[in-house]
């Protein structure tokens, strides 16, 4: 259940971030409200996730998946390009999350 909540938190964060250009510096009401609601819901869900998933792992997955998804959305829909270096950097971020997950939980 925690990873389902984490997935929803990621979707909310990615949607909110993707709407930032439309909020135009928080000068356009509806997109601004959607951005704020998306971030708020994302953080509420993330707070629930860290009750059962180590915070380092949950936050790493949340931030890495969000970063990769926003980069892909920017490239696919917002006319932003990704250089080879940027793609390599995203791959390293994902590799770091995998290593955190493989490392398991440390004893308390």
Protein backbone atom coordinates (compact mmCIF):
# COMPACT_ATOMS: atom_id res chain seq x y z
CA UNK A 1 0.00 0.00 0.00
CA UNK A 2 2.86 2.38 0.79
CA UNK A 3 4.28 2.10 -2.71
CA UNK A 4 0.85 2.74 -4.23
CA UNK A 5 0.62 5.93 -2.15
CA UNK A 6 4.15 6.82 -3.22
CA UNK A 7 3.13 6.37 -6.86
CA UNK A 8 0.17 8.70 -6.41
CA UNK A 9 2.43 11.22 -4.63
CA UNK A 10 4.80 11.12 -7.60
CA UNK A 11 1.95 11.64 -10.08
CA UNK A 12 0.68 14.63 -8.06
CA UNK A 13 4.14 16.18 -7.88
CA UNK A 14 4.81 15.65 -11.59
CA UNK A 15 1.42 17.11 -12.55
CA UNK A 16 1.99 20.14 -10.33
CA UNK A 17 5.48 20.73 -11.69
CA UNK A 18 4.29 20.32 -15.26
CA UNK A 19 1.64 23.01 -14.64
CA UNK A 20 4.15 25.56 -13.33
CA UNK A 21 4.68 27.22 -16.73
CA UNK A 22 0.91 27.74 -17.06
CA UNK A 23 0.75 29.31 -13.59
CA UNK A 24 3.03 32.06 -14.97
CA UNK A 25 4.69 32.89 -11.67
CA UNK A 26 1.42 32.31 -9.79
CA UNK A 27 -0.33 35.07 -11.72
CA UNK A 28 -2.93 32.79 -13.37
CA UNK A 29 -5.45 31.60 -10.79
CA UNK A 30 -6.59 28.12 -11.84
CA UNK A 31 -3.19 26.68 -12.78
CA UNK A 32 -1.72 28.25 -9.62
CA UNK A 33 -4.35 26.58 -7.45
CA UNK A 34 -3.75 23.25 -9.20
CA UNK A 35 0.01 23.56 -8.63
CA UNK A 36 -0.46 24.28 -4.94
CA UNK A 37 -2.99 21.47 -4.52
CA UNK A 38 -0.76 19.01 -6.38
CA UNK A 39 2.26 19.80 -4.22
CA UNK A 40 0.22 19.73 -1.02
CA UNK A 41 -1.33 16.35 -1.82
CA UNK A 42 2.05 14.99 -2.86
CA UNK A 43 3.63 15.96 0.45
CA UNK A 44 0.71 14.64 2.50
CA UNK A 45 0.99 11.29 0.73
CA UNK A 46 4.77 11.24 1.07
CA UNK A 47 4.38 11.86 4.80
CA UNK A 48 2.14 8.79 5.01
CA UNK A 49 4.62 6.69 3.03
CA UNK A 50 7.55 7.43 5.34
CA UNK A 51 5.64 5.85 8.21
CA UNK A 52 6.51 2.45 6.72
CA UNK A 53 9.23 3.05 4.10
CA UNK A 54 12.61 4.46 5.16
CA UNK A 55 12.64 8.17 4.39
CA UNK A 56 15.88 7.93 2.38
CA UNK A 57 14.36 5.33 0.09
CA UNK A 58 10.92 6.97 -0.19
CA UNK A 59 12.34 10.41 -0.90
CA UNK A 60 14.90 9.06 -3.36
CA UNK A 61 12.21 7.24 -5.33
CA UNK A 62 9.85 10.22 -5.16
CA UNK A 63 12.43 12.76 -6.28
CA UNK A 64 14.14 10.58 -8.92
CA UNK A 65 10.91 9.39 -10.51
CA UNK A 66 9.57 12.94 -10.44
CA UNK A 67 12.72 14.35 -11.99
CA UNK A 68 12.79 11.75 -14.75
CA UNK A 69 9.08 12.13 -15.49
CA UNK A 70 9.24 15.93 -15.63
CA UNK A 71 12.27 15.77 -17.91
CA UNK A 72 10.42 13.37 -20.22
CA UNK A 73 7.27 15.55 -20.20
CA UNK A 74 9.38 18.62 -20.92
CA UNK A 75 11.02 16.89 -23.87
CA UNK A 76 7.83 15.33 -25.22
CA UNK A 77 5.28 18.09 -24.68
CA UNK A 78 6.94 21.36 -23.70
CA UNK A 79 9.51 21.65 -26.47
CA UNK A 80 12.51 21.24 -24.17
CA UNK A 81 15.47 19.24 -25.38
CA UNK A 82 17.62 16.81 -23.41
CA UNK A 83 21.31 16.53 -24.18
CA UNK A 84 23.22 13.30 -23.88
CA UNK A 85 24.77 14.60 -20.66
CA UNK A 86 21.34 15.29 -19.19
CA UNK A 87 20.10 11.81 -20.11
CA UNK A 88 23.24 10.33 -18.54
CA UNK A 89 22.61 12.38 -15.40
CA UNK A 90 19.05 11.08 -15.17
CA UNK A 91 20.35 7.53 -15.58
CA UNK A 92 22.79 8.11 -12.70
CA UNK A 93 19.98 9.40 -10.49
CA UNK A 94 17.92 6.29 -11.23
CA UNK A 95 20.97 4.09 -10.57
CA UNK A 96 21.43 5.81 -7.22
CA UNK A 97 17.85 5.04 -6.23
CA UNK A 98 18.33 1.40 -7.22
CA UNK A 99 21.46 1.21 -5.06
CA UNK A 100 19.61 2.75 -2.10
CA UNK A 101 16.86 0.18 -2.49
CA UNK A 102 19.34 -2.69 -2.82
CA UNK A 103 21.17 -1.52 0.29
CA UNK A 104 18.11 -2.27 2.40
CA UNK A 105 17.22 -0.70 5.71
CA UNK A 106 19.89 0.13 8.21
CA UNK A 107 19.37 -1.06 11.78
CA UNK A 108 17.85 1.55 14.13
